[in-house]
C-alpha atoms as a PDB file:
ATOM      1  CA  MET A   1     172.650  24.966  72.754  1.00  0.00           C
ATOM      2  CA  VAL A   2     170.201  23.117  70.445  1.00  0.00           C
ATOM      3  CA  THR A   3     166.741  24.596  70.538  1.00  0.00           C
ATOM      4  CA  SER A   4     163.569  22.494  70.435  1.00  0.00           C
ATOM      5  CA  ASP A   5     162.883  23.657  66.850  1.00  0.00           C
ATOM      6  CA  GLN A   6     166.376  22.649  65.733  1.00  0.00           C
ATOM      7  CA  ARG A   7     165.946  19.291  67.444  1.00  0.00           C
ATOM      8  CA  ARG A   8     162.622  18.696  65.670  1.00  0.00           C
ATOM      9  CA  ARG A   9     164.180  19.616  62.322  1.00  0.00           C
ATOM     10  CA  GLN A  10     167.102  17.238  62.992  1.00  0.00           C
ATOM     11  CA  LEU A  11     164.764  14.401  63.882  1.00  0.00           C
ATOM     12  CA  ALA A  12     162.648  15.076  60.808  1.00  0.00           C
ATOM     13  CA  ARG A  13     165.754  15.082  58.614  1.00  0.00           C
ATOM     14  CA  GLU A  14     166.965  11.797  60.102  1.00  0.00           C
ATOM     15  CA  LYS A  15     163.523  10.273  59.593  1.00  0.00           C
ATOM     16  CA  PHE A  16     163.506  11.445  55.969  1.00  0.00           C
ATOM     17  CA  GLU A  17     166.983   9.965  55.405  1.00  0.00           C
ATOM     18  CA  ARG A  18     165.866   6.643  56.892  1.00  0.00           C
ATOM     19  CA  GLN A  19     162.829   6.594  54.615  1.00  0.00           C
ATOM     20  CA  GLN A  20     165.006   7.349  51.593  1.00  0.00           C
ATOM     21  CA  GLN A  21     167.390   4.572  52.580  1.00  0.00           C
ATOM     22  CA  ARG A  22     164.528   2.099  52.941  1.00  0.00           C
ATOM     23  CA  ARG A  23     163.105   3.107  49.554  1.00  0.00           C
ATOM     24  CA  GLN A  24     166.520   2.657  47.949  1.00  0.00           C
ATOM     25  CA  GLN A  25     166.918  -0.769  49.527  1.00  0.00           C
ATOM     26  CA  SER A  26     163.428  -1.710  48.358  1.00  0.00           C
ATOM     27  CA  ARG A  27     164.270  -0.665  44.786  1.00  0.00           C
ATOM     28  CA  LYS A  28     167.451  -2.750  44.870  1.00  0.00           C
ATOM     29  CA  ARG A  29     165.515  -5.779  46.111  1.00  0.00           C
ATOM     30  CA  LYS A  30     162.982  -5.389  43.312  1.00  0.00           C
ATOM     31  CA  GLN A  31     165.746  -5.035  40.715  1.00  0.00           C
ATOM     32  CA  ARG A  32     167.511  -8.095  42.109  1.00  0.00           C
ATOM     33  CA  ASN A  33     164.312 -10.132  42.080  1.00  0.00           C
ATOM     34  CA  THR A  34     163.634  -9.043  38.503  1.00  0.00           C
ATOM     35  CA  VAL A  35     167.089 -10.206  37.415  1.00  0.00           C
ATOM     36  CA  ILE A  36     166.638 -13.528  39.211  1.00  0.00           C
ATOM     37  CA  ALA A  37     163.217 -14.029  37.656  1.00  0.00           C
ATOM     38  CA  ALA A  38     164.597 -13.271  34.186  1.00  0.00           C
ATOM     39  CA  ALA A  39     167.477 -15.704  34.675  1.00  0.00           C
ATOM     40  CA  LEU A  40     165.083 -18.381  35.887  1.00  0.00           C
ATOM     41  CA  ALA A  41     162.904 -17.831  32.841  1.00  0.00           C
ATOM     42  CA  VAL A  42     165.921 -18.388  30.582  1.00  0.00           C
ATOM     43  CA  VAL A  43     166.831 -21.588  32.413  1.00  0.00           C
ATOM     44  CA  LEU A  44     163.265 -22.874  32.190  1.00  0.00           C
ATOM     45  CA  ALA A  45     163.096 -21.975  28.502  1.00  0.00           C
ATOM     46  CA  ALA A  46     166.367 -23.779  27.850  1.00  0.00           C
ATOM     47  CA  GLY A  47     165.098 -26.795  29.734  1.00  0.00           C
ATOM     48  CA  ALA A  48     161.881 -26.785  27.739  1.00  0.00           C
ATOM     49  CA  ALA A  49     163.842 -26.555  24.496  1.00  0.00           C
ATOM     50  CA  ALA A  50     166.036 -29.463  25.518  1.00  0.00           C
ATOM     51  CA  PHE A  51     162.973 -31.512  26.426  1.00  0.00           C
ATOM     52  CA  ALA A  52     161.325 -30.645  23.142  1.00  0.00           C
ATOM     53  CA  SER A  53     164.350 -31.883  21.207  1.00  0.00           C
ATOM     54  CA  VAL A  54     163.981 -35.341  22.660  1.00  0.00           C
ATOM     55  CA  GLY A  55     162.418 -37.316  19.876  1.00  0.00           C
ATOM     56  CA  LEU A  56     164.421 -39.243  17.332  1.00  0.00           C
ATOM     57  CA  SER A  57     167.545 -37.790  18.770  1.00  0.00           C
ATOM     58  CA  ASP A  58     171.194 -38.652  18.835  1.00  0.00           C
ATOM     59  CA  GLY A  59     173.246 -38.206  21.778  1.00  0.00           C
ATOM     60  CA  ASP A  60     169.777 -35.473  21.520  1.00  0.00           C
ATOM     61  CA  THR A  61     167.950 -37.419  25.335  1.00  0.00           C
ATOM     62  CA  LYS A  62     165.656 -39.808  23.639  1.00  0.00           C
ATOM     63  CA  SER A  63     167.206 -40.581  20.361  1.00  0.00           C
ATOM     64  CA  ASP A  64     166.683 -41.825  16.863  1.00  0.00           C
ATOM     65  CA  ALA A  65     163.304 -43.300  17.374  1.00  0.00           C
ATOM     66  CA  SER A  66     162.267 -40.105  19.015  1.00  0.00           C
ATOM     67  CA  SER A  67     161.301 -36.978  17.217  1.00  0.00           C
ATOM     68  CA  ALA A  68     163.008 -33.692  16.768  1.00  0.00           C
ATOM     69  CA  GLY A  69     160.704 -31.427  18.612  1.00  0.00           C
ATOM     70  CA  ASP A  70     158.339 -33.972  20.121  1.00  0.00           C
ATOM     71  CA  SER A  71     158.034 -37.623  21.038  1.00  0.00           C
ATOM     72  CA  GLN A  72     157.018 -38.435  17.481  1.00  0.00           C
ATOM     73  CA  SER A  73     160.419 -38.157  15.864  1.00  0.00           C
ATOM     74  CA  PRO A  74     163.996 -39.480  16.140  1.00  0.00           C
ATOM     75  CA  SER A  75     166.009 -36.956  18.126  1.00  0.00           C
ATOM     76  CA  ALA A  76     169.454 -36.693  19.638  1.00  0.00           C
ATOM     77  CA  ALA A  77     170.484 -35.278  22.960  1.00  0.00           C
ATOM     78  CA  PRO A  78     171.608 -31.650  23.169  1.00  0.00           C
ATOM     79  CA  SER A  79     175.104 -32.716  24.184  1.00  0.00           C
ATOM     80  CA  GLN A  80     175.403 -34.481  20.854  1.00  0.00           C
ATOM     81  CA  SER A  81     175.122 -31.179  19.003  1.00  0.00           C
ATOM     82  CA  GLU A  82     178.099 -29.750  20.894  1.00  0.00           C
ATOM     83  CA  SER A  83     180.768 -31.603  18.937  1.00  0.00           C
ATOM     84  CA  ALA A  84     184.064 -31.529  20.800  1.00  0.00           C
ATOM     85  CA  ALA A  85     186.039 -33.266  18.057  1.00  0.00           C
ATOM     86  CA  PRO A  86     186.086 -33.311  14.255  1.00  0.00           C
ATOM     87  CA  GLU A  87     184.429 -36.149  12.402  1.00  0.00           C
ATOM     88  CA  PRO A  88     186.725 -38.965  11.239  1.00  0.00           C
ATOM     89  CA  ALA A  89     188.950 -38.272   8.254  1.00  0.00           C
ATOM     90  CA  MET A  90     187.458 -39.572   5.025  1.00  0.00           C
ATOM     91  CA  SER A  91     188.857 -43.052   4.396  1.00  0.00           C
ATOM     92  CA  ILE A  92     186.155 -44.837   2.382  1.00  0.00           C
ATOM     93  CA  ASP A  93     185.670 -45.130  -1.352  1.00  0.00           C
ATOM     94  CA  LYS A  94     183.007 -42.516  -2.060  1.00  0.00           C
ATOM     95  CA  LYS A  95     181.917 -44.299  -5.222  1.00  0.00           C
ATOM     96  CA  ALA A  96     181.405 -47.713  -3.640  1.00  0.00           C
ATOM     97  CA  LYS A  97     178.572 -49.604  -1.983  1.00  0.00           C
ATOM     98  CA  TYR A  98     178.987 -50.723   1.601  1.00  0.00           C
ATOM     99  CA  SER A  99     177.193 -53.120   3.905  1.00  0.00           C
ATOM    100  CA  MET A 100     176.781 -52.751   7.651  1.00  0.00           C
ATOM    101  CA  SER A 101     176.248 -55.986   9.531  1.00  0.00           C
ATOM    102  CA  LEU A 102     174.635 -55.853  12.969  1.00  0.00           C
ATOM    103  CA  LYS A 103     174.743 -59.017  15.009  1.00  0.00           C
ATOM    104  CA  THR A 104     172.087 -58.491  17.665  1.00  0.00           C
ATOM    105  CA  SER A 105     170.427 -60.502  20.391  1.00  0.00           C
ATOM    106  CA  GLY A 106     167.243 -60.311  18.311  1.00  0.00           C
ATOM    107  CA  GLY A 107     168.767 -61.537  15.051  1.00  0.00           C
ATOM    108  CA  ASP A 108     171.204 -60.398  12.385  1.00  0.00           C
ATOM    109  CA  ILE A 109     170.501 -57.216  10.432  1.00  0.00           C
ATOM    110  CA  ALA A 110     172.274 -56.392   7.172  1.00  0.00           C
ATOM    111  CA  ILE A 111     172.070 -52.781   5.992  1.00  0.00           C
ATOM    112  CA  ALA A 112     172.961 -51.756   2.434  1.00  0.00           C
ATOM    113  CA  MET A 113     174.611 -48.313   2.189  1.00  0.00           C
ATOM    114  CA  ASP A 114     175.564 -46.156  -0.791  1.00  0.00           C
ATOM    115  CA  ALA A 115     178.672 -44.051  -0.109  1.00  0.00           C
ATOM    116  CA  ALA A 116     178.027 -41.927  -3.193  1.00  0.00           C
ATOM    117  CA  LYS A 117     174.850 -40.578  -1.572  1.00  0.00           C
ATOM    118  CA  THR A 118     175.934 -40.450   2.069  1.00  0.00           C
ATOM    119  CA  PRO A 119     179.749 -40.420   2.211  1.00  0.00           C
ATOM    120  CA  HIS A 120     180.064 -38.710   5.603  1.00  0.00           C
ATOM    121  CA  THR A 121     177.539 -41.031   7.215  1.00  0.00           C
ATOM    122  CA  VAL A 122     179.034 -44.218   5.777  1.00  0.00           C
ATOM    123  CA  ASN A 123     182.546 -43.077   6.650  1.00  0.00           C
ATOM    124  CA  SER A 124     181.515 -42.324  10.231  1.00  0.00           C
ATOM    125  CA  PHE A 125     179.803 -45.681  10.697  1.00  0.00           C
ATOM    126  CA  LYS A 126     182.789 -47.569   9.317  1.00  0.00           C
ATOM    127  CA  SER A 127     185.153 -45.644  11.592  1.00  0.00           C
ATOM    128  CA  LEU A 128     182.999 -46.297  14.668  1.00  0.00           C
ATOM    129  CA  ALA A 129     182.368 -49.947  13.806  1.00  0.00           C
ATOM    130  CA  ASP A 130     186.085 -50.566  13.238  1.00  0.00           C
ATOM    131  CA  LYS A 131     186.719 -49.291  16.767  1.00  0.00           C
ATOM    132  CA  GLY A 132     184.025 -51.520  18.274  1.00  0.00           C
ATOM    133  CA  PHE A 133     182.002 -48.456  19.285  1.00  0.00           C
ATOM    134  CA  PHE A 134     178.620 -50.179  18.885  1.00  0.00           C
ATOM    135  CA  ASN A 135     179.561 -53.534  20.380  1.00  0.00           C
ATOM    136  CA  GLY A 136     177.546 -54.281  23.497  1.00  0.00           C
ATOM    137  CA  THR A 137     175.232 -51.280  23.131  1.00  0.00           C
ATOM    138  CA  LYS A 138     171.451 -51.528  23.414  1.00  0.00           C
ATOM    139  CA  CYS A 139     168.698 -50.322  21.134  1.00  0.00           C
ATOM    140  CA  HIS A 140     167.166 -48.046  23.736  1.00  0.00           C
ATOM    141  CA  ARG A 141     163.914 -46.874  22.180  1.00  0.00           C
ATOM    142  CA  LEU A 142     160.938 -48.413  20.435  1.00  0.00           C
ATOM    143  CA  THR A 143     157.877 -46.496  19.243  1.00  0.00           C
ATOM    144  CA  THR A 144     154.653 -48.264  18.356  1.00  0.00           C
ATOM    145  CA  GLU A 145     152.260 -45.379  17.718  1.00  0.00           C
ATOM    146  CA  GLY A 146     152.560 -42.350  15.416  1.00  0.00           C
ATOM    147  CA  ILE A 147     155.982 -43.409  14.189  1.00  0.00           C
ATOM    148  CA  PHE A 148     157.289 -46.952  13.960  1.00  0.00           C
ATOM    149  CA  VAL A 149     160.991 -47.179  14.659  1.00  0.00           C
ATOM    150  CA  LEU A 150     163.605 -48.898  16.779  1.00  0.00           C
ATOM    151  CA  GLN A 151     166.381 -46.524  17.794  1.00  0.00           C
ATOM    152  CA  CYS A 152     169.943 -47.696  18.420  1.00  0.00           C
ATOM    153  CA  GLY A 153     173.546 -46.508  18.470  1.00  0.00           C
ATOM    154  CA  ASP A 154     173.734 -44.828  21.874  1.00  0.00           C
ATOM    155  CA  PRO A 155     176.700 -46.013  23.969  1.00  0.00           C
ATOM    156  CA  LYS A 156     174.936 -44.776  27.124  1.00  0.00           C
ATOM    157  CA  GLY A 157     171.699 -46.570  26.346  1.00  0.00           C
ATOM    158  CA  ASP A 158     169.487 -43.673  27.428  1.00  0.00           C
ATOM    159  CA  GLY A 159     169.319 -41.474  24.335  1.00  0.00           C
ATOM    160  CA  THR A 160     171.976 -38.980  25.427  1.00  0.00           C
ATOM    161  CA  GLY A 161     175.150 -40.613  24.145  1.00  0.00           C
ATOM    162  CA  GLY A 162     177.195 -40.076  21.027  1.00  0.00           C
ATOM    163  CA  PRO A 163     180.683 -40.267  19.527  1.00  0.00           C
ATOM    164  CA  GLY A 164     181.790 -36.772  20.564  1.00  0.00           C
ATOM    165  CA  TYR A 165     181.410 -35.250  17.108  1.00  0.00           C
ATOM    166  CA  THR A 166     178.641 -34.527  14.614  1.00  0.00           C
ATOM    167  CA  ILE A 167     178.277 -35.206  10.908  1.00  0.00           C
ATOM    168  CA  PRO A 168     176.441 -33.234   8.211  1.00  0.00           C
ATOM    169  CA  ASP A 169     172.987 -34.105   6.922  1.00  0.00           C
ATOM    170  CA  GLU A 170     172.978 -35.929   3.588  1.00  0.00           C
ATOM    171  CA  ASN A 171     170.561 -37.317   1.013  1.00  0.00           C
ATOM    172  CA  LEU A 172     167.611 -35.386   2.472  1.00  0.00           C
ATOM    173  CA  THR A 173     165.744 -35.222  -0.853  1.00  0.00           C
ATOM    174  CA  ALA A 174     165.908 -38.981  -1.449  1.00  0.00           C
ATOM    175  CA  LEU A 175     162.390 -39.575  -0.149  1.00  0.00           C
ATOM    176  CA  GLY A 176     160.807 -36.745  -2.116  1.00  0.00           C
ATOM    177  CA  LYS A 177     159.439 -33.336  -1.187  1.00  0.00           C
ATOM    178  CA  ALA A 178     157.522 -32.761   2.015  1.00  0.00           C
ATOM    179  CA  GLY A 179     153.758 -32.772   1.673  1.00  0.00           C
ATOM    180  CA  ALA A 180     151.300 -30.243   3.040  1.00  0.00           C
ATOM    181  CA  ASP A 181     151.794 -31.701   6.502  1.00  0.00           C
ATOM    182  CA  GLY A 182     155.544 -31.085   6.328  1.00  0.00           C
ATOM    183  CA  THR A 183     156.487 -34.766   6.254  1.00  0.00           C
ATOM    184  CA  VAL A 184     157.815 -37.386   3.856  1.00  0.00           C
ATOM    185  CA  THR A 185     157.254 -41.138   3.960  1.00  0.00           C
ATOM    186  CA  PHE A 186     160.035 -43.323   5.325  1.00  0.00           C
ATOM    187  CA  PRO A 187     159.298 -46.814   3.918  1.00  0.00           C
ATOM    188  CA  ALA A 188     159.614 -49.903   6.092  1.00  0.00           C
ATOM    189  CA  GLY A 189     163.216 -51.069   5.995  1.00  0.00           C
ATOM    190  CA  THR A 190     164.687 -47.559   5.913  1.00  0.00           C
ATOM    191  CA  VAL A 191     167.628 -46.797   8.195  1.00  0.00           C
ATOM    192  CA  ALA A 192     168.203 -43.125   9.024  1.00  0.00           C
ATOM    193  CA  MET A 193     170.160 -40.878  11.356  1.00  0.00           C
ATOM    194  CA  ALA A 194     168.677 -39.418  14.515  1.00  0.00           C
ATOM    195  CA  ASN A 195     169.511 -35.826  15.424  1.00  0.00           C
ATOM    196  CA  THR A 196     168.703 -33.033  17.877  1.00  0.00           C
ATOM    197  CA  GLY A 197     166.143 -31.436  15.592  1.00  0.00           C
ATOM    198  CA  GLN A 198     168.748 -28.979  14.321  1.00  0.00           C
ATOM    199  CA  PRO A 199     170.621 -29.313  11.007  1.00  0.00           C
ATOM    200  CA  HIS A 200     173.868 -31.285  10.905  1.00  0.00           C
ATOM    201  CA  THR A 201     173.642 -32.749  14.419  1.00  0.00           C
ATOM    202  CA  GLY A 202     173.804 -36.461  13.649  1.00  0.00           C
ATOM    203  CA  GLY A 203     176.248 -38.563  15.656  1.00  0.00           C
ATOM    204  CA  SER A 204     176.027 -42.296  16.253  1.00  0.00           C
ATOM    205  CA  GLN A 205     172.329 -42.816  16.959  1.00  0.00           C
ATOM    206  CA  PHE A 206     170.170 -44.160  14.149  1.00  0.00           C
ATOM    207  CA  PHE A 207     166.697 -45.589  13.734  1.00  0.00           C
ATOM    208  CA  LEU A 208     165.317 -48.623  11.955  1.00  0.00           C
ATOM    209  CA  VAL A 209     161.899 -48.117  10.365  1.00  0.00           C
ATOM    210  CA  TYR A 210     159.856 -51.324  10.677  1.00  0.00           C
ATOM    211  CA  LYS A 211     156.579 -49.899   9.322  1.00  0.00           C
ATOM    212  CA  GLU A 212     155.862 -47.018   6.950  1.00  0.00           C
ATOM    213  CA  THR A 213     156.396 -43.814   8.919  1.00  0.00           C
ATOM    214  CA  LYS A 214     155.863 -40.127   8.184  1.00  0.00           C
ATOM    215  CA  LEU A 215     158.534 -37.759   9.476  1.00  0.00           C
ATOM    216  CA  PRO A 216     159.941 -34.329   8.593  1.00  0.00           C
ATOM    217  CA  PRO A 217     162.587 -34.664   5.844  1.00  0.00           C
ATOM    218  CA  GLY A 218     165.413 -33.708   8.206  1.00  0.00           C
ATOM    219  CA  TYR A 219     166.742 -37.178   8.977  1.00  0.00           C
ATOM    220  CA  THR A 220     169.496 -38.565   6.758  1.00  0.00           C
ATOM    221  CA  PRO A 221     168.282 -41.825   5.137  1.00  0.00           C
ATOM    222  CA  PHE A 222     171.492 -43.773   4.626  1.00  0.00           C
ATOM    223  CA  GLY A 223     170.590 -47.444   4.358  1.00  0.00           C
ATOM    224  CA  THR A 224     168.069 -50.204   3.782  1.00  0.00           C
ATOM    225  CA  MET A 225     167.619 -53.337   5.897  1.00  0.00           C
ATOM    226  CA  ASP A 226     167.511 -56.758   4.303  1.00  0.00           C
ATOM    227  CA  ALA A 227     164.320 -58.833   4.611  1.00  0.00           C
ATOM    228  CA  ALA A 228     165.640 -60.904   7.514  1.00  0.00           C
ATOM    229  CA  GLY A 229     166.718 -57.803   9.396  1.00  0.00           C
ATOM    230  CA  LEU A 230     163.377 -56.086   8.871  1.00  0.00           C
ATOM    231  CA  LYS A 231     161.551 -59.146  10.176  1.00  0.00           C
ATOM    232  CA  ALA A 232     163.806 -59.242  13.244  1.00  0.00           C
ATOM    233  CA  VAL A 233     162.919 -55.619  14.054  1.00  0.00           C
ATOM    234  CA  GLN A 234     159.236 -56.262  13.396  1.00  0.00           C
ATOM    235  CA  ASP A 235     159.334 -59.155  15.852  1.00  0.00           C
ATOM    236  CA  VAL A 236     160.774 -56.843  18.492  1.00  0.00           C
ATOM    237  CA  ALA A 237     158.002 -54.344  17.740  1.00  0.00           C
ATOM    238  CA  LYS A 238     155.307 -57.016  18.080  1.00  0.00           C
ATOM    239  CA  ALA A 239     156.466 -57.704  21.640  1.00  0.00           C
ATOM    240  CA  GLY A 240     155.872 -54.033  22.383  1.00  0.00           C
ATOM    241  CA  VAL A 241     157.339 -51.484  24.741  1.00  0.00           C
ATOM    242  CA  ALA A 242     158.284 -52.307  28.323  1.00  0.00           C
ATOM    243  CA  GLY A 243     155.449 -51.570  30.736  1.00  0.00           C
ATOM    244  CA  GLY A 244     152.863 -51.491  27.978  1.00  0.00           C
ATOM    245  CA  ALA A 245     153.755 -47.975  26.867  1.00  0.00           C
ATOM    246  CA  LYS A 246     153.820 -46.796  23.250  1.00  0.00           C
ATOM    247  CA  ASP A 247     157.262 -45.210  23.449  1.00  0.00           C
ATOM    248  CA  GLY A 248     160.229 -46.406  25.475  1.00  0.00           C
ATOM    249  CA  ALA A 249     162.614 -49.279  25.950  1.00  0.00           C
ATOM    250  CA  PRO A 250     161.565 -52.360  23.973  1.00  0.00           C
ATOM    251  CA  LYS A 251     160.085 -55.158  26.061  1.00  0.00           C
ATOM    252  CA  THR A 252     162.370 -57.565  24.227  1.00  0.00           C
ATOM    253  CA  ALA A 253     165.793 -56.105  24.936  1.00  0.00           C
ATOM    254  CA  VAL A 254     167.975 -55.750  21.843  1.00  0.00           C
ATOM    255  CA  THR A 255     171.746 -55.662  22.267  1.00  0.00           C
ATOM    256  CA  MET A 256     174.117 -55.056  19.381  1.00  0.00           C
ATOM    257  CA  GLU A 257     176.721 -57.724  20.002  1.00  0.00           C
ATOM    258  CA  LYS A 258     178.882 -56.636  17.072  1.00  0.00           C
ATOM    259  CA  ALA A 259     178.747 -54.133  14.232  1.00  0.00           C
ATOM    260  CA  SER A 260     180.951 -54.190  11.141  1.00  0.00           C
ATOM    261  CA  VAL A 261     181.064 -52.229   7.898  1.00  0.00           C
ATOM    262  CA  SER A 262     182.598 -53.604   4.733  1.00  0.00           C
ATOM    263  CA  LYS A 263     182.871 -52.617   1.099  1.00  0.00           C
ATOM    264  CA  VAL A 264     180.652 -54.650  -1.204  1.00  0.00           C
END
């Protein structure tokens, strides 16, 4: 027969075991919440990094006329940096000069390119142009403050598109050494590659500089617009950005009707 003392001890033991179980469950909940919070922090950090890369980006998000790291540079979308395919096999004459002709709704733009200085870039543009990759695409971004560029080459038209591969940076010293502010001057008429803000992440997005612009020396300068082409871009810039903003889709829509690359 169980005595009253034994019964009290049994009840006390059961109470202690319940308390221990509750404490253990509480510890597990705290550990689980800590793990969830840490995972959320990683996701938020990744999202912030992706947002930061939207400047003059390719593929990287706002593109070429955007900035790598902020809205004041030409960036490419993050997906652009994850190349799923190799760049096109080299098929151009690396010692030759080439010309890229852009027939756009805003006027024709001729771009002189030197394959000796930017062979991978010229080869990629010729390969894409030969396939009609740029035909019918829009120049999706215009900036009218801080930097002065029109960004094009995104098949999606929103700054996140690309060709599915990346090409290496080239000719990065052509515009001189960076000054104390970490930038070099991109003269009006310069055509350069957008990227994600990371090395060797160029794809198909590029930007046309219509007014002297200072940018970090991490964007491949691969061509120069002719006078008529520069004026056409300047006219688009004069009309401004849609909605009166300083950065966004140009008010005067620019569609690349056809792009072609030929040896000079």
